[in-house]
Amino acid sequence: MGDAYREFAARTLRVDGRDIPVDSEGYLIDLDDWSEGFARALAQEEGLALTDEHWQVIRYIRDYHAEHRVQPQVRAMITHFTGKWGKEKGSNHYLHEIFPRGGPQKQGNRLAGIRRTKGEH
């Protein structure tokens, strides 16, 4: 990682013996630093025990971002997970329940190694 990235880092997160630079909220500085270990370390720091459902959302966000080069909107997540999990679990309410620190677009994006959405403060 170059010095240009280091200057944006507010802190680091220890992942598998490496210090990974993140901003003050835990978003990756260099998206190439993402790993499942990163997601586990950040989730532990945020007090979140990752379940299979969390991993499904994390992988969905990563796959969507890889294909479209933008983060998925919550509406797209609701449509996808309603089809997969049913109406109750695919709901906006449930997605925010399993990602209590900002819902799937904030906490989900952080854990998936995707930058904050535009307009997010």
PDB file of N, CA and C in Angstrom:
ATOM      1  N   MET A   1       0.851  -1.179   0.000  1.00  0.00           N
ATOM      2  CA  MET A   1       0.000   0.000   0.000  1.00  0.00           C
ATOM      3  C   MET A   1       0.889   1.232   0.000  1.00  0.00           C
ATOM      4  N   GLY A   2       0.550   2.202  -0.823  1.00  0.00           N
ATOM      5  CA  GLY A   2       1.341   3.410  -0.943  1.00  0.00           C
ATOM      6  C   GLY A   2       1.060   4.409   0.157  1.00  0.00           C
ATOM      7  N   ASP A   3       1.954   5.390   0.270  1.00  0.00           N
ATOM      8  CA  ASP A   3       1.794   6.422   1.281  1.00  0.00           C
ATOM      9  C   ASP A   3       0.537   7.248   1.074  1.00  0.00           C
ATOM     10  N   ALA A   4       0.084   7.358  -0.168  1.00  0.00           N
ATOM     11  CA  ALA A   4      -1.133   8.137  -0.448  1.00  0.00           C
ATOM     12  C   ALA A   4      -2.321   7.563   0.314  1.00  0.00           C
ATOM     13  N   TYR A   5      -2.383   6.249   0.433  1.00  0.00           N
ATOM     14  CA  TYR A   5      -3.483   5.634   1.180  1.00  0.00           C
ATOM     15  C   TYR A   5      -3.316   5.838   2.680  1.00  0.00           C
ATOM     16  N   ARG A   6      -2.073   5.747   3.162  1.00  0.00           N
ATOM     17  CA  ARG A   6      -1.827   5.860   4.599  1.00  0.00           C
ATOM     18  C   ARG A   6      -2.315   7.201   5.155  1.00  0.00           C
ATOM     19  N   GLU A   7      -2.196   8.265   4.375  1.00  0.00           N
ATOM     20  CA  GLU A   7      -2.572   9.571   4.894  1.00  0.00           C
ATOM     21  C   GLU A   7      -4.070   9.690   5.140  1.00  0.00           C
ATOM     22  N   PHE A   8      -4.884   8.833   4.512  1.00  0.00           N
ATOM     23  CA  PHE A   8      -6.323   8.857   4.733  1.00  0.00           C
ATOM     24  C   PHE A   8      -6.748   7.965   5.891  1.00  0.00           C
ATOM     25  N   ALA A   9      -5.872   7.083   6.323  1.00  0.00           N
ATOM     26  CA  ALA A   9      -6.204   6.141   7.385  1.00  0.00           C
ATOM     27  C   ALA A   9      -6.282   6.865   8.723  1.00  0.00           C
ATOM     28  N   ALA A  10      -7.355   6.605   9.454  1.00  0.00           N
ATOM     29  CA  ALA A  10      -7.506   7.173  10.784  1.00  0.00           C
ATOM     30  C   ALA A  10      -6.924   6.221  11.827  1.00  0.00           C
ATOM     31  N   ARG A  11      -6.921   4.924  11.472  1.00  0.00           N
ATOM     32  CA  ARG A  11      -6.438   3.902  12.397  1.00  0.00           C
ATOM     33  C   ARG A  11      -6.225   2.618  11.608  1.00  0.00           C
ATOM     34  N   THR A  12      -5.807   1.592  12.302  1.00  0.00           N
ATOM     35  CA  THR A  12      -5.660   0.288  11.655  1.00  0.00           C
ATOM     36  C   THR A  12      -6.459  -0.751  12.430  1.00  0.00           C
ATOM     37  N   LEU A  13      -6.773  -1.823  11.728  1.00  0.00           N
ATOM     38  CA  LEU A  13      -7.469  -2.966  12.309  1.00  0.00           C
ATOM     39  C   LEU A  13      -6.549  -4.159  12.122  1.00  0.00           C
ATOM     40  N   ARG A  14      -6.263  -4.871  13.210  1.00  0.00           N
ATOM     41  CA  ARG A  14      -5.365  -6.027  13.153  1.00  0.00           C
ATOM     42  C   ARG A  14      -6.114  -7.220  12.567  1.00  0.00           C
ATOM     43  N   VAL A  15      -5.632  -7.731  11.438  1.00  0.00           N
ATOM     44  CA  VAL A  15      -6.273  -8.848  10.740  1.00  0.00           C
ATOM     45  C   VAL A  15      -5.204  -9.869  10.371  1.00  0.00           C
ATOM     46  N   ASP A  16      -5.307 -11.042  10.941  1.00  0.00           N
ATOM     47  CA  ASP A  16      -4.385 -12.133  10.607  1.00  0.00           C
ATOM     48  C   ASP A  16      -2.924 -11.684  10.634  1.00  0.00           C
ATOM     49  N   GLY A  17      -2.557 -10.957  11.682  1.00  0.00           N
ATOM     50  CA  GLY A  17      -1.177 -10.530  11.849  1.00  0.00           C
ATOM     51  C   GLY A  17      -0.770  -9.297  11.061  1.00  0.00           C
ATOM     52  N   ARG A  18      -1.705  -8.694  10.337  1.00  0.00           N
ATOM     53  CA  ARG A  18      -1.416  -7.481   9.556  1.00  0.00           C
ATOM     54  C   ARG A  18      -2.247  -6.325  10.079  1.00  0.00           C
ATOM     55  N   ASP A  19      -1.711  -5.129   9.994  1.00  0.00           N
ATOM     56  CA  ASP A  19      -2.445  -3.914  10.332  1.00  0.00           C
ATOM     57  C   ASP A  19      -3.080  -3.386   9.051  1.00  0.00           C
ATOM     58  N   ILE A  20      -4.419  -3.381   9.001  1.00  0.00           N
ATOM     59  CA  ILE A  20      -5.153  -2.942   7.827  1.00  0.00           C
ATOM     60  C   ILE A  20      -5.671  -1.521   8.073  1.00  0.00           C
ATOM     61  N   PRO A  21      -5.284  -0.555   7.227  1.00  0.00           N
ATOM     62  CA  PRO A  21      -5.729   0.835   7.406  1.00  0.00           C
ATOM     63  C   PRO A  21      -7.231   0.984   7.119  1.00  0.00           C
ATOM     64  N   VAL A  22      -7.912   1.656   8.041  1.00  0.00           N
ATOM     65  CA  VAL A  22      -9.335   1.966   7.894  1.00  0.00           C
ATOM     66  C   VAL A  22      -9.554   3.420   8.294  1.00  0.00           C
ATOM     67  N   ASP A  23     -10.704   3.961   7.866  1.00  0.00           N
ATOM     68  CA  ASP A  23     -11.015   5.328   8.283  1.00  0.00           C
ATOM     69  C   ASP A  23     -11.604   5.296   9.690  1.00  0.00           C
ATOM     70  N   SER A  24     -12.042   6.434  10.179  1.00  0.00           N
ATOM     71  CA  SER A  24     -12.516   6.531  11.562  1.00  0.00           C
ATOM     72  C   SER A  24     -13.741   5.670  11.843  1.00  0.00           C
ATOM     73  N   GLU A  25     -14.508   5.300  10.800  1.00  0.00           N
ATOM     74  CA  GLU A  25     -15.699   4.476  10.990  1.00  0.00           C
ATOM     75  C   GLU A  25     -15.465   2.998  10.680  1.00  0.00           C
ATOM     76  N   GLY A  26     -14.282   2.651  10.216  1.00  0.00           N
ATOM     77  CA  GLY A  26     -13.980   1.257   9.930  1.00  0.00           C
ATOM     78  C   GLY A  26     -14.052   0.876   8.466  1.00  0.00           C
ATOM     79  N   TYR A  27     -14.308   1.847   7.585  1.00  0.00           N
ATOM     80  CA  TYR A  27     -14.308   1.560   6.142  1.00  0.00           C
ATOM     81  C   TYR A  27     -12.861   1.378   5.678  1.00  0.00           C
ATOM     82  N   LEU A  28     -12.640   0.396   4.810  1.00  0.00           N
ATOM     83  CA  LEU A  28     -11.309   0.163   4.259  1.00  0.00           C
ATOM     84  C   LEU A  28     -10.812   1.373   3.484  1.00  0.00           C
ATOM     85  N   ILE A  29      -9.529   1.634   3.600  1.00  0.00           N
ATOM     86  CA  ILE A  29      -8.894   2.670   2.790  1.00  0.00           C
ATOM     87  C   ILE A  29      -8.576   2.089   1.410  1.00  0.00           C
ATOM     88  N   ASP A  30      -8.008   0.885   1.396  1.00  0.00           N
ATOM     89  CA  ASP A  30      -7.661   0.194   0.156  1.00  0.00           C
ATOM     90  C   ASP A  30      -8.579  -1.027   0.040  1.00  0.00           C
ATOM     91  N   LEU A  31      -9.498  -1.007  -0.927  1.00  0.00           N
ATOM     92  CA  LEU A  31     -10.482  -2.087  -1.062  1.00  0.00           C
ATOM     93  C   LEU A  31      -9.834  -3.445  -1.295  1.00  0.00           C
ATOM     94  N   ASP A  32      -8.612  -3.459  -1.805  1.00  0.00           N
ATOM     95  CA  ASP A  32      -7.909  -4.726  -2.021  1.00  0.00           C
ATOM     96  C   ASP A  32      -7.476  -5.388  -0.718  1.00  0.00           C
ATOM     97  N   ASP A  33      -7.570  -4.684   0.401  1.00  0.00           N
ATOM     98  CA  ASP A  33      -7.220  -5.262   1.703  1.00  0.00           C
ATOM     99  C   ASP A  33      -8.336  -6.132   2.272  1.00  0.00           C
ATOM    100  N   TRP A  34      -9.491  -6.216   1.595  1.00  0.00           N
ATOM    101  CA  TRP A  34     -10.610  -6.981   2.141  1.00  0.00           C
ATOM    102  C   TRP A  34     -10.297  -8.483   2.145  1.00  0.00           C
ATOM    103  N   SER A  35     -10.760  -9.131   3.198  1.00  0.00           N
ATOM    104  CA  SER A  35     -10.710 -10.589   3.299  1.00  0.00           C
ATOM    105  C   SER A  35     -11.823 -10.986   4.259  1.00  0.00           C
ATOM    106  N   GLU A  36     -12.147 -12.266   4.288  1.00  0.00           N
ATOM    107  CA  GLU A  36     -13.130 -12.729   5.270  1.00  0.00           C
ATOM    108  C   GLU A  36     -12.608 -12.476   6.680  1.00  0.00           C
ATOM    109  N   GLY A  37     -11.294 -12.563   6.851  1.00  0.00           N
ATOM    110  CA  GLY A  37     -10.691 -12.243   8.153  1.00  0.00           C
ATOM    111  C   GLY A  37     -10.951 -10.804   8.548  1.00  0.00           C
ATOM    112  N   PHE A  38     -10.891  -9.895   7.569  1.00  0.00           N
ATOM    113  CA  PHE A  38     -11.202  -8.489   7.842  1.00  0.00           C
ATOM    114  C   PHE A  38     -12.640  -8.368   8.334  1.00  0.00           C
ATOM    115  N   ALA A  39     -13.569  -8.999   7.623  1.00  0.00           N
ATOM    116  CA  ALA A  39     -14.985  -8.930   8.010  1.00  0.00           C
ATOM    117  C   ALA A  39     -15.178  -9.476   9.425  1.00  0.00           C
ATOM    118  N   ARG A  40     -14.535 -10.589   9.738  1.00  0.00           N
ATOM    119  CA  ARG A  40     -14.662 -11.165  11.089  1.00  0.00           C
ATOM    120  C   ARG A  40     -14.087 -10.229  12.153  1.00  0.00           C
ATOM    121  N   ALA A  41     -12.909  -9.645  11.875  1.00  0.00           N
ATOM    122  CA  ALA A  41     -12.262  -8.751  12.848  1.00  0.00           C
ATOM    123  C   ALA A  41     -13.103  -7.496  13.080  1.00  0.00           C
ATOM    124  N   LEU A  42     -13.618  -6.905  12.005  1.00  0.00           N
ATOM    125  CA  LEU A  42     -14.432  -5.702  12.146  1.00  0.00           C
ATOM    126  C   LEU A  42     -15.747  -6.027  12.855  1.00  0.00           C
ATOM    127  N   ALA A  43     -16.363  -7.148  12.504  1.00  0.00           N
ATOM    128  CA  ALA A  43     -17.610  -7.546  13.161  1.00  0.00           C
ATOM    129  C   ALA A  43     -17.382  -7.738  14.660  1.00  0.00           C
ATOM    130  N   GLN A  44     -16.286  -8.377  15.011  1.00  0.00           N
ATOM    131  CA  GLN A  44     -15.985  -8.580  16.435  1.00  0.00           C
ATOM    132  C   GLN A  44     -15.820  -7.231  17.134  1.00  0.00           C
ATOM    133  N   GLU A  45     -15.103  -6.311  16.499  1.00  0.00           N
ATOM    134  CA  GLU A  45     -14.918  -4.966  17.064  1.00  0.00           C
ATOM    135  C   GLU A  45     -16.265  -4.267  17.251  1.00  0.00           C
ATOM    136  N   GLU A  46     -17.206  -4.509  16.326  1.00  0.00           N
ATOM    137  CA  GLU A  46     -18.516  -3.865  16.378  1.00  0.00           C
ATOM    138  C   GLU A  46     -19.527  -4.669  17.205  1.00  0.00           C
ATOM    139  N   GLY A  47     -19.085  -5.760  17.823  1.00  0.00           N
ATOM    140  CA  GLY A  47     -19.958  -6.542  18.687  1.00  0.00           C
ATOM    141  C   GLY A  47     -20.987  -7.368  17.932  1.00  0.00           C
ATOM    142  N   LEU A  48     -20.657  -7.760  16.709  1.00  0.00           N
ATOM    143  CA  LEU A  48     -21.595  -8.500  15.861  1.00  0.00           C
ATOM    144  C   LEU A  48     -21.059  -9.905  15.620  1.00  0.00           C
ATOM    145  N   ALA A  49     -21.850 -10.910  15.976  1.00  0.00           N
ATOM    146  CA  ALA A  49     -21.495 -12.299  15.702  1.00  0.00           C
ATOM    147  C   ALA A  49     -22.047 -12.656  14.329  1.00  0.00           C
ATOM    148  N   LEU A  50     -21.156 -12.888  13.369  1.00  0.00           N
ATOM    149  CA  LEU A  50     -21.584 -13.141  11.993  1.00  0.00           C
ATOM    150  C   LEU A  50     -22.236 -14.512  11.850  1.00  0.00           C
ATOM    151  N   THR A  51     -23.420 -14.504  11.260  1.00  0.00           N
ATOM    152  CA  THR A  51     -24.162 -15.727  10.983  1.00  0.00           C
ATOM    153  C   THR A  51     -24.121 -15.992   9.478  1.00  0.00           C
ATOM    154  N   ASP A  52     -24.707 -17.101   9.064  1.00  0.00           N
ATOM    155  CA  ASP A  52     -24.798 -17.397   7.639  1.00  0.00           C
ATOM    156  C   ASP A  52     -25.553 -16.286   6.905  1.00  0.00           C
ATOM    157  N   GLU A  53     -26.584 -15.730   7.530  1.00  0.00           N
ATOM    158  CA  GLU A  53     -27.340 -14.642   6.892  1.00  0.00           C
ATOM    159  C   GLU A  53     -26.467 -13.410   6.677  1.00  0.00           C
ATOM    160  N   HIS A  54     -25.640 -13.060   7.661  1.00  0.00           N
ATOM    161  CA  HIS A  54     -24.718 -11.931   7.499  1.00  0.00           C
ATOM    162  C   HIS A  54     -23.799 -12.184   6.304  1.00  0.00           C
ATOM    163  N   TRP A  55     -23.240 -13.393   6.233  1.00  0.00           N
ATOM    164  CA  TRP A  55     -22.330 -13.716   5.137  1.00  0.00           C
ATOM    165  C   TRP A  55     -23.034 -13.647   3.790  1.00  0.00           C
ATOM    166  N   GLN A  56     -24.298 -14.075   3.740  1.00  0.00           N
ATOM    167  CA  GLN A  56     -25.041 -13.986   2.477  1.00  0.00           C
ATOM    168  C   GLN A  56     -25.179 -12.535   2.036  1.00  0.00           C
ATOM    169  N   VAL A  57     -25.459 -11.639   2.978  1.00  0.00           N
ATOM    170  CA  VAL A  57     -25.588 -10.209   2.644  1.00  0.00           C
ATOM    171  C   VAL A  57     -24.223  -9.643   2.247  1.00  0.00           C
ATOM    172  N   ILE A  58     -23.186  -9.973   2.996  1.00  0.00           N
ATOM    173  CA  ILE A  58     -21.832  -9.493   2.682  1.00  0.00           C
ATOM    174  C   ILE A  58     -21.434  -9.932   1.272  1.00  0.00           C
ATOM    175  N   ARG A  59     -21.659 -11.194   0.945  1.00  0.00           N
ATOM    176  CA  ARG A  59     -21.294 -11.698  -0.388  1.00  0.00           C
ATOM    177  C   ARG A  59     -22.156 -11.042  -1.473  1.00  0.00           C
ATOM    178  N   TYR A  60     -23.438 -10.826  -1.174  1.00  0.00           N
ATOM    179  CA  TYR A  60     -24.308 -10.148  -2.134  1.00  0.00           C
ATOM    180  C   TYR A  60     -23.778  -8.740  -2.422  1.00  0.00           C
ATOM    181  N   ILE A  61     -23.422  -7.998  -1.380  1.00  0.00           N
ATOM    182  CA  ILE A  61     -22.894  -6.639  -1.550  1.00  0.00           C
ATOM    183  C   ILE A  61     -21.610  -6.674  -2.374  1.00  0.00           C
ATOM    184  N   ARG A  62     -20.713  -7.584  -2.064  1.00  0.00           N
ATOM    185  CA  ARG A  62     -19.445  -7.680  -2.801  1.00  0.00           C
ATOM    186  C   ARG A  62     -19.679  -8.047  -4.260  1.00  0.00           C
ATOM    187  N   ASP A  63     -20.550  -9.039  -4.502  1.00  0.00           N
ATOM    188  CA  ASP A  63     -20.833  -9.456  -5.882  1.00  0.00           C
ATOM    189  C   ASP A  63     -21.501  -8.337  -6.676  1.00  0.00           C
ATOM    190  N   TYR A  64     -22.455  -7.659  -6.047  1.00  0.00           N
ATOM    191  CA  TYR A  64     -23.160  -6.561  -6.708  1.00  0.00           C
ATOM    192  C   TYR A  64     -22.164  -5.450  -7.067  1.00  0.00           C
ATOM    193  N   HIS A  65     -21.302  -5.111  -6.108  1.00  0.00           N
ATOM    194  CA  HIS A  65     -20.308  -4.065  -6.334  1.00  0.00           C
ATOM    195  C   HIS A  65     -19.334  -4.467  -7.443  1.00  0.00           C
ATOM    196  N   ALA A  66     -18.916  -5.717  -7.464  1.00  0.00           N
ATOM    197  CA  ALA A  66     -17.995  -6.189  -8.498  1.00  0.00           C
ATOM    198  C   ALA A  66     -18.623  -6.093  -9.885  1.00  0.00           C
ATOM    199  N   GLU A  67     -19.914  -6.375  -9.960  1.00  0.00           N
ATOM    200  CA  GLU A  67     -20.605  -6.342 -11.254  1.00  0.00           C
ATOM    201  C   GLU A  67     -20.978  -4.935 -11.694  1.00  0.00           C
ATOM    202  N   HIS A  68     -21.464  -4.108 -10.761  1.00  0.00           N
ATOM    203  CA  HIS A  68     -22.021  -2.796 -11.114  1.00  0.00           C
ATOM    204  C   HIS A  68     -21.117  -1.619 -10.746  1.00  0.00           C
ATOM    205  N   ARG A  69     -20.066  -1.865  -9.970  1.00  0.00           N
ATOM    206  CA  ARG A  69     -19.130  -0.836  -9.501  1.00  0.00           C
ATOM    207  C   ARG A  69     -19.774   0.217  -8.611  1.00  0.00           C
ATOM    208  N   VAL A  70     -20.928  -0.093  -8.057  1.00  0.00           N
ATOM    209  CA  VAL A  70     -21.595   0.750  -7.057  1.00  0.00           C
ATOM    210  C   VAL A  70     -22.172  -0.172  -5.991  1.00  0.00           C
ATOM    211  N   GLN A  71     -22.494   0.401  -4.853  1.00  0.00           N
ATOM    212  CA  GLN A  71     -23.127  -0.355  -3.794  1.00  0.00           C
ATOM    213  C   GLN A  71     -24.590  -0.605  -4.152  1.00  0.00           C
ATOM    214  N   PRO A  72     -25.121  -1.744  -3.739  1.00  0.00           N
ATOM    215  CA  PRO A  72     -26.546  -1.975  -3.994  1.00  0.00           C
ATOM    216  C   PRO A  72     -27.400  -1.088  -3.096  1.00  0.00           C
ATOM    217  N   GLN A  73     -28.497  -0.611  -3.634  1.00  0.00           N
ATOM    218  CA  GLN A  73     -29.448   0.132  -2.812  1.00  0.00           C
ATOM    219  C   GLN A  73     -30.188  -0.862  -1.919  1.00  0.00           C
ATOM    220  N   VAL A  74     -30.677  -0.380  -0.788  1.00  0.00           N
ATOM    221  CA  VAL A  74     -31.405  -1.246   0.137  1.00  0.00           C
ATOM    222  C   VAL A  74     -32.592  -1.885  -0.583  1.00  0.00           C
ATOM    223  N   ARG A  75     -33.240  -1.153  -1.457  1.00  0.00           N
ATOM    224  CA  ARG A  75     -34.386  -1.685  -2.205  1.00  0.00           C
ATOM    225  C   ARG A  75     -33.997  -2.950  -2.983  1.00  0.00           C
ATOM    226  N   ALA A  76     -32.808  -2.931  -3.608  1.00  0.00           N
ATOM    227  CA  ALA A  76     -32.328  -4.108  -4.349  1.00  0.00           C
ATOM    228  C   ALA A  76     -32.059  -5.268  -3.401  1.00  0.00           C
ATOM    229  N   MET A  77     -31.527  -4.953  -2.228  1.00  0.00           N
ATOM    230  CA  MET A  77     -31.266  -5.996  -1.228  1.00  0.00           C
ATOM    231  C   MET A  77     -32.577  -6.617  -0.742  1.00  0.00           C
ATOM    232  N   ILE A  78     -33.567  -5.775  -0.504  1.00  0.00           N
ATOM    233  CA  ILE A  78     -34.870  -6.260  -0.035  1.00  0.00           C
ATOM    234  C   ILE A  78     -35.477  -7.201  -1.079  1.00  0.00           C
ATOM    235  N   THR A  79     -35.443  -6.799  -2.334  1.00  0.00           N
ATOM    236  CA  THR A  79     -35.983  -7.637  -3.406  1.00  0.00           C
ATOM    237  C   THR A  79     -35.244  -8.971  -3.462  1.00  0.00           C
ATOM    238  N   HIS A  80     -33.936  -8.922  -3.426  1.00  0.00           N
ATOM    239  CA  HIS A  80     -33.124 -10.138  -3.498  1.00  0.00           C
ATOM    240  C   HIS A  80     -33.399 -11.072  -2.312  1.00  0.00           C
ATOM    241  N   PHE A  81     -33.336 -10.522  -1.101  1.00  0.00           N
ATOM    242  CA  PHE A  81     -33.459 -11.379   0.080  1.00  0.00           C
ATOM    243  C   PHE A  81     -34.895 -11.777   0.393  1.00  0.00           C
ATOM    244  N   THR A  82     -35.878 -11.017  -0.069  1.00  0.00           N
ATOM    245  CA  THR A  82     -37.263 -11.455   0.057  1.00  0.00           C
ATOM    246  C   THR A  82     -37.458 -12.712  -0.789  1.00  0.00           C
ATOM    247  N   GLY A  83     -36.887 -12.721  -1.980  1.00  0.00           N
ATOM    248  CA  GLY A  83     -36.963 -13.899  -2.838  1.00  0.00           C
ATOM    249  C   GLY A  83     -36.231 -15.092  -2.250  1.00  0.00           C
ATOM    250  N   LYS A  84     -35.174 -14.835  -1.518  1.00  0.00           N
ATOM    251  CA  LYS A  84     -34.341 -15.898  -0.950  1.00  0.00           C
ATOM    252  C   LYS A  84     -34.831 -16.368   0.420  1.00  0.00           C
ATOM    253  N   TRP A  85     -35.231 -15.434   1.279  1.00  0.00           N
ATOM    254  CA  TRP A  85     -35.553 -15.755   2.666  1.00  0.00           C
ATOM    255  C   TRP A  85     -37.042 -15.628   2.997  1.00  0.00           C
ATOM    256  N   GLY A  86     -37.831 -15.062   2.101  1.00  0.00           N
ATOM    257  CA  GLY A  86     -39.238 -14.811   2.397  1.00  0.00           C
ATOM    258  C   GLY A  86     -39.459 -13.368   2.804  1.00  0.00           C
ATOM    259  N   LYS A  87     -40.724 -12.996   2.838  1.00  0.00           N
ATOM    260  CA  LYS A  87     -41.108 -11.592   3.052  1.00  0.00           C
ATOM    261  C   LYS A  87     -40.631 -11.036   4.396  1.00  0.00           C
ATOM    262  N   GLU A  88     -40.782 -11.804   5.473  1.00  0.00           N
ATOM    263  CA  GLU A  88     -40.430 -11.291   6.800  1.00  0.00           C
ATOM    264  C   GLU A  88     -38.923 -11.069   6.952  1.00  0.00           C
ATOM    265  N   LYS A  89     -38.115 -12.059   6.578  1.00  0.00           N
ATOM    266  CA  LYS A  89     -36.664 -11.942   6.741  1.00  0.00           C
ATOM    267  C   LYS A  89     -36.019 -11.092   5.656  1.00  0.00           C
ATOM    268  N   GLY A  90     -36.657 -10.962   4.516  1.00  0.00           N
ATOM    269  CA  GLY A  90     -36.104 -10.129   3.450  1.00  0.00           C
ATOM    270  C   GLY A  90     -36.440  -8.662   3.609  1.00  0.00           C
ATOM    271  N   SER A  91     -37.140  -8.336   4.665  1.00  0.00           N
ATOM    272  CA  SER A  91     -37.635  -6.964   4.857  1.00  0.00           C
ATOM    273  C   SER A  91     -36.529  -5.990   5.277  1.00  0.00           C
ATOM    274  N   ASN A  92     -36.798  -4.722   5.046  1.00  0.00           N
ATOM    275  CA  ASN A  92     -35.911  -3.657   5.485  1.00  0.00           C
ATOM    276  C   ASN A  92     -35.697  -3.745   6.995  1.00  0.00           C
ATOM    277  N   HIS A  93     -36.772  -4.003   7.730  1.00  0.00           N
ATOM    278  CA  HIS A  93     -36.681  -4.105   9.193  1.00  0.00           C
ATOM    279  C   HIS A  93     -35.701  -5.200   9.605  1.00  0.00           C
ATOM    280  N   TYR A  94     -35.816  -6.374   9.009  1.00  0.00           N
ATOM    281  CA  TYR A  94     -34.945  -7.492   9.388  1.00  0.00           C
ATOM    282  C   TYR A  94     -33.496  -7.205   9.000  1.00  0.00           C
ATOM    283  N   LEU A  95     -33.274  -6.655   7.818  1.00  0.00           N
ATOM    284  CA  LEU A  95     -31.904  -6.332   7.401  1.00  0.00           C
ATOM    285  C   LEU A  95     -31.263  -5.331   8.358  1.00  0.00           C
ATOM    286  N   HIS A  96     -32.039  -4.377   8.846  1.00  0.00           N
ATOM    287  CA  HIS A  96     -31.509  -3.429   9.829  1.00  0.00           C
ATOM    288  C   HIS A  96     -31.349  -4.081  11.204  1.00  0.00           C
ATOM    289  N   GLU A  97     -32.153  -5.067  11.484  1.00  0.00           N
ATOM    290  CA  GLU A  97     -32.033  -5.791  12.756  1.00  0.00           C
ATOM    291  C   GLU A  97     -30.726  -6.580  12.802  1.00  0.00           C
ATOM    292  N   ILE A  98     -30.367  -7.237  11.701  1.00  0.00           N
ATOM    293  CA  ILE A  98     -29.138  -8.041  11.718  1.00  0.00           C
ATOM    294  C   ILE A  98     -27.879  -7.192  11.511  1.00  0.00           C
ATOM    295  N   PHE A  99     -28.049  -5.976  11.012  1.00  0.00           N
ATOM    296  CA  PHE A  99     -26.942  -5.014  10.897  1.00  0.00           C
ATOM    297  C   PHE A  99     -27.325  -3.771  11.706  1.00  0.00           C
ATOM    298  N   PRO A 100     -27.254  -3.856  13.037  1.00  0.00           N
ATOM    299  CA  PRO A 100     -27.779  -2.791  13.897  1.00  0.00           C
ATOM    300  C   PRO A 100     -27.013  -1.470  13.861  1.00  0.00           C
ATOM    301  N   ARG A 101     -25.796  -1.470  13.359  1.00  0.00           N
ATOM    302  CA  ARG A 101     -25.010  -0.225  13.315  1.00  0.00           C
ATOM    303  C   ARG A 101     -25.052   0.394  11.922  1.00  0.00           C
ATOM    304  N   GLY A 102     -26.245   0.875  11.549  1.00  0.00           N
ATOM    305  CA  GLY A 102     -26.379   1.580  10.281  1.00  0.00           C
ATOM    306  C   GLY A 102     -27.020   0.764   9.169  1.00  0.00           C
ATOM    307  N   GLY A 103     -27.493  -0.421   9.484  1.00  0.00           N
ATOM    308  CA  GLY A 103     -28.181  -1.221   8.485  1.00  0.00           C
ATOM    309  C   GLY A 103     -27.233  -1.826   7.467  1.00  0.00           C
ATOM    310  N   PRO A 104     -27.804  -2.452   6.445  1.00  0.00           N
ATOM    311  CA  PRO A 104     -26.965  -3.141   5.462  1.00  0.00           C
ATOM    312  C   PRO A 104     -26.151  -2.191   4.592  1.00  0.00           C
ATOM    313  N   GLN A 105     -26.604  -0.950   4.424  1.00  0.00           N
ATOM    314  CA  GLN A 105     -25.838  -0.038   3.576  1.00  0.00           C
ATOM    315  C   GLN A 105     -24.650   0.569   4.291  1.00  0.00           C
ATOM    316  N   LYS A 106     -24.677   0.688   5.582  1.00  0.00           N
ATOM    317  CA  LYS A 106     -23.510   1.210   6.298  1.00  0.00           C
ATOM    318  C   LYS A 106     -22.699   0.057   6.874  1.00  0.00           C
ATOM    319  N   GLN A 107     -23.262  -0.648   7.847  1.00  0.00           N
ATOM    320  CA  GLN A 107     -22.516  -1.728   8.475  1.00  0.00           C
ATOM    321  C   GLN A 107     -22.231  -2.854   7.475  1.00  0.00           C
ATOM    322  N   GLY A 108     -23.205  -3.178   6.641  1.00  0.00           N
ATOM    323  CA  GLY A 108     -22.997  -4.205   5.628  1.00  0.00           C
ATOM    324  C   GLY A 108     -21.876  -3.834   4.672  1.00  0.00           C
ATOM    325  N   ASN A 109     -21.873  -2.593   4.202  1.00  0.00           N
ATOM    326  CA  ASN A 109     -20.811  -2.132   3.302  1.00  0.00           C
ATOM    327  C   ASN A 109     -19.452  -2.176   3.990  1.00  0.00           C
ATOM    328  N   ARG A 110     -19.390  -1.731   5.245  1.00  0.00           N
ATOM    329  CA  ARG A 110     -18.106  -1.763   5.969  1.00  0.00           C
ATOM    330  C   ARG A 110     -17.577  -3.193   6.022  1.00  0.00           C
ATOM    331  N   LEU A 111     -18.445  -4.127   6.433  1.00  0.00           N
ATOM    332  CA  LEU A 111     -18.020  -5.516   6.574  1.00  0.00           C
ATOM    333  C   LEU A 111     -17.669  -6.146   5.231  1.00  0.00           C
ATOM    334  N   ALA A 112     -18.323  -5.697   4.167  1.00  0.00           N
ATOM    335  CA  ALA A 112     -18.058  -6.216   2.826  1.00  0.00           C
ATOM    336  C   ALA A 112     -16.847  -5.544   2.177  1.00  0.00           C
ATOM    337  N   GLY A 113     -16.273  -4.565   2.863  1.00  0.00           N
ATOM    338  CA  GLY A 113     -15.096  -3.889   2.329  1.00  0.00           C
ATOM    339  C   GLY A 113     -15.404  -2.909   1.223  1.00  0.00           C
ATOM    340  N   ILE A 114     -16.626  -2.375   1.227  1.00  0.00           N
ATOM    341  CA  ILE A 114     -17.056  -1.409   0.221  1.00  0.00           C
ATOM    342  C   ILE A 114     -17.106  -0.039   0.887  1.00  0.00           C
ATOM    343  N   ARG A 115     -16.738   0.980   0.155  1.00  0.00           N
ATOM    344  CA  ARG A 115     -16.722   2.334   0.728  1.00  0.00           C
ATOM    345  C   ARG A 115     -18.141   2.822   1.038  1.00  0.00           C
ATOM    346  N   ARG A 116     -18.197   3.817   1.885  1.00  0.00           N
ATOM    347  CA  ARG A 116     -19.466   4.418   2.274  1.00  0.00           C
ATOM    348  C   ARG A 116     -20.222   4.900   1.047  1.00  0.00           C
ATOM    349  N   THR A 117     -21.543   4.924   1.161  1.00  0.00           N
ATOM    350  CA  THR A 117     -22.362   5.381   0.046  1.00  0.00           C
ATOM    351  C   THR A 117     -22.212   6.886  -0.109  1.00  0.00           C
ATOM    352  N   LYS A 118     -22.434   7.388  -1.300  1.00  0.00           N
ATOM    353  CA  LYS A 118     -22.349   8.831  -1.544  1.00  0.00           C
ATOM    354  C   LYS A 118     -23.380   9.553  -0.689  1.00  0.00           C
ATOM    355  N   GLY A 119     -22.970  10.673  -0.147  1.00  0.00           N
ATOM    356  CA  GLY A 119     -23.867  11.470   0.670  1.00  0.00           C
ATOM    357  C   GLY A 119     -23.905  11.029   2.124  1.00  0.00           C
ATOM    358  N   GLU A 120     -23.241   9.912   2.440  1.00  0.00           N
ATOM    359  CA  GLU A 120     -23.216   9.453   3.831  1.00  0.00           C
ATOM    360  C   GLU A 120     -22.230  10.302   4.605  1.00  0.00           C
ATOM    361  N   HIS A 121     -22.598  10.669   5.799  1.00  0.00           N
ATOM    362  CA  HIS A 121     -21.724  11.519   6.629  1.00  0.00           C
ATOM    363  C   HIS A 121     -21.006  10.685   7.661  1.00  0.00           C
TER     364      HIS A 121
END
